[in-house]
Each structure stands twice: as structure tokens, then as C-alpha cells.
Protein backbone atom coordinates (compact mmCIF):
# COMPACT_ATOMS: atom_id res chain seq x y z
CA UNK A 1 32.85 -10.69 126.99
CA UNK A 2 35.72 -12.97 128.04
CA UNK A 3 35.51 -14.97 124.82
CA UNK A 4 35.74 -11.84 122.68
CA UNK A 5 38.73 -10.69 124.74
CA UNK A 6 40.35 -14.04 124.15
CA UNK A 7 39.70 -13.91 120.41
CA UNK A 8 41.10 -10.39 120.27
CA UNK A 9 44.18 -11.49 122.19
CA UNK A 10 44.71 -14.44 119.86
CA UNK A 11 44.32 -12.19 116.83
CA UNK A 12 46.82 -9.70 118.20
CA UNK A 13 49.36 -12.17 119.44
CA UNK A 14 49.64 -15.86 120.10
CA UNK A 15 51.82 -15.43 123.13
CA UNK A 16 51.46 -18.14 125.74
CA UNK A 17 51.43 -15.50 128.47
CA UNK A 18 48.27 -13.90 127.07
CA UNK A 19 46.58 -17.28 126.63
CA UNK A 20 47.42 -18.23 130.21
CA UNK A 21 46.12 -14.88 131.43
CA UNK A 22 42.83 -15.44 129.64
CA UNK A 23 42.49 -18.98 130.99
CA UNK A 24 43.07 -17.70 134.53
CA UNK A 25 40.44 -14.98 134.02
CA UNK A 26 38.00 -17.56 132.67
CA UNK A 27 38.58 -19.91 135.59
CA UNK A 28 38.03 -17.07 138.06
CA UNK A 29 34.75 -16.10 136.38
CA UNK A 30 33.52 -19.70 136.32
CA UNK A 31 34.30 -20.07 140.02
CA UNK A 32 32.10 -17.03 140.72
CA UNK A 33 29.09 -18.51 138.97
CA UNK A 34 26.26 -20.17 140.86
CA UNK A 35 24.91 -23.58 139.89
CA UNK A 36 21.80 -25.19 141.35
CA UNK A 37 21.22 -28.90 141.86
CA UNK A 38 18.17 -30.89 142.92
CA UNK A 39 18.88 -33.89 145.13
CA UNK A 40 17.20 -36.79 143.34
CA UNK A 41 18.23 -39.46 145.84
CA UNK A 42 20.94 -40.57 148.24
CA UNK A 43 22.88 -43.73 147.36
CA UNK A 44 25.55 -44.86 149.78
CA UNK A 45 28.04 -42.03 150.22
CA UNK A 46 26.71 -40.00 147.30
CA UNK A 47 23.85 -37.65 146.56
CA UNK A 48 22.58 -38.16 143.01
CA UNK A 49 21.75 -34.63 141.88
CA UNK A 50 20.29 -33.06 138.78
CA UNK A 51 22.27 -30.08 137.51
CA UNK A 52 19.70 -27.37 136.74
CA UNK A 53 21.79 -26.02 133.84
CA UNK A 54 22.53 -29.28 132.02
CA UNK A 55 19.68 -31.44 133.41
CA UNK A 56 22.25 -34.23 133.79
CA UNK A 57 22.59 -36.33 136.92
CA UNK A 58 25.81 -35.96 138.88
CA UNK A 59 27.15 -37.95 141.82
CA UNK A 60 28.26 -35.62 144.61
CA UNK A 61 30.05 -37.01 147.64
CA UNK A 62 28.08 -36.55 150.86
CA UNK A 63 31.30 -35.38 152.50
CA UNK A 64 31.06 -32.22 150.33
CA UNK A 65 27.45 -31.49 151.30
CA UNK A 66 25.69 -30.14 154.39
CA UNK A 67 24.99 -32.84 157.00
CA UNK A 68 21.20 -32.45 156.89
CA UNK A 69 20.88 -33.08 153.13
CA UNK A 70 17.81 -35.01 151.96
CA UNK A 71 15.97 -35.97 148.80
CA UNK A 72 14.29 -32.98 147.16
CA UNK A 73 16.69 -30.36 148.54
CA UNK A 74 17.86 -27.62 146.21
CA UNK A 75 21.61 -27.14 146.48
CA UNK A 76 23.45 -24.01 145.54
CA UNK A 77 27.09 -24.37 144.47
CA UNK A 78 28.81 -21.06 144.92
CA UNK A 79 32.35 -20.08 145.85
CA UNK A 80 33.38 -23.74 145.63
CA UNK A 81 30.94 -24.93 148.31
CA UNK A 82 27.44 -26.40 148.48
CA UNK A 83 24.61 -25.09 150.61
CA UNK A 84 20.90 -25.81 150.85
CA UNK A 85 18.90 -23.01 149.22
CA UNK A 86 15.58 -22.81 151.06
CA UNK A 87 14.45 -19.86 148.95
CA UNK A 88 14.84 -21.83 145.70
CA UNK A 89 13.06 -24.80 147.31
CA UNK A 90 10.12 -22.55 148.18
CA UNK A 91 10.01 -21.11 144.64
CA UNK A 92 10.09 -24.55 143.01
CA UNK A 93 7.44 -25.98 145.35
CA UNK A 94 5.17 -23.04 144.49
CA UNK A 95 5.76 -23.60 140.77
CA UNK A 96 4.88 -27.29 141.12
CA UNK A 97 1.72 -26.50 143.09
CA UNK A 98 0.64 -24.01 140.41
CA UNK A 99 1.20 -26.57 137.64
CA UNK A 100 -0.76 -29.26 139.51
CA UNK A 101 -3.56 -26.80 140.21
CA UNK A 102 -3.79 -25.91 136.50
CA UNK A 103 -3.99 -29.59 135.51
CA UNK A 104 -6.75 -30.42 138.01
CA UNK A 105 -8.76 -27.26 137.39
CA UNK A 106 -9.11 -27.67 133.63
């Protein structure tokens, strides 16, 4: 939706004001989105986390994370802050148990 609005704005006018307005709208929408990370390991002052959208590892400073962070936690990044998502952890653990059960029960 935002991209089509941007394209329409560009087609109608190339004014810098409209481009800046779109970029601000886009930034606001991106800041509202939720991203999940899995803590792969802790190294020094960083948590090495897998981004669930890109599957790439990212180094996140421990100073940005909850104090009780540990390997295997599922982090939710929302509203520019990280929190541990116990519900997602439970869902993923159940999915893993189901997959293991299917492998062993073949």
C-alpha cells in the first residue's frame, strides 16, 4: 500500500516534500512492525541472534536486551525495544518436539 502511494506520488509530482512525506510514513510503518530473533549464543557483550525474517545472524548489544537473556530465548523487537517472548518460545519448542517425534516414530 505504501509503495503504491509512493509510486502514485512520484508519477503525479516529483516534489521533494512529497518524497519526504512518503519516507516518513514508511519509517513510521517499519517502526511498528515486529521482528523475532532467536538467541544463538552470547559472546562477550553481544548476543548473536538469528533474525527470523532474514535468517541472518546479527550481533545485538547486551545493553539493549533484558538482563536475564540466555541462549535459546526468542526475542521480540517491537516499538524500538527488545523483550523475551515466552509465548513464541513455547510455540517453537512444541514445533521442535513434534518434528522430533515424527522422525523417531517413522
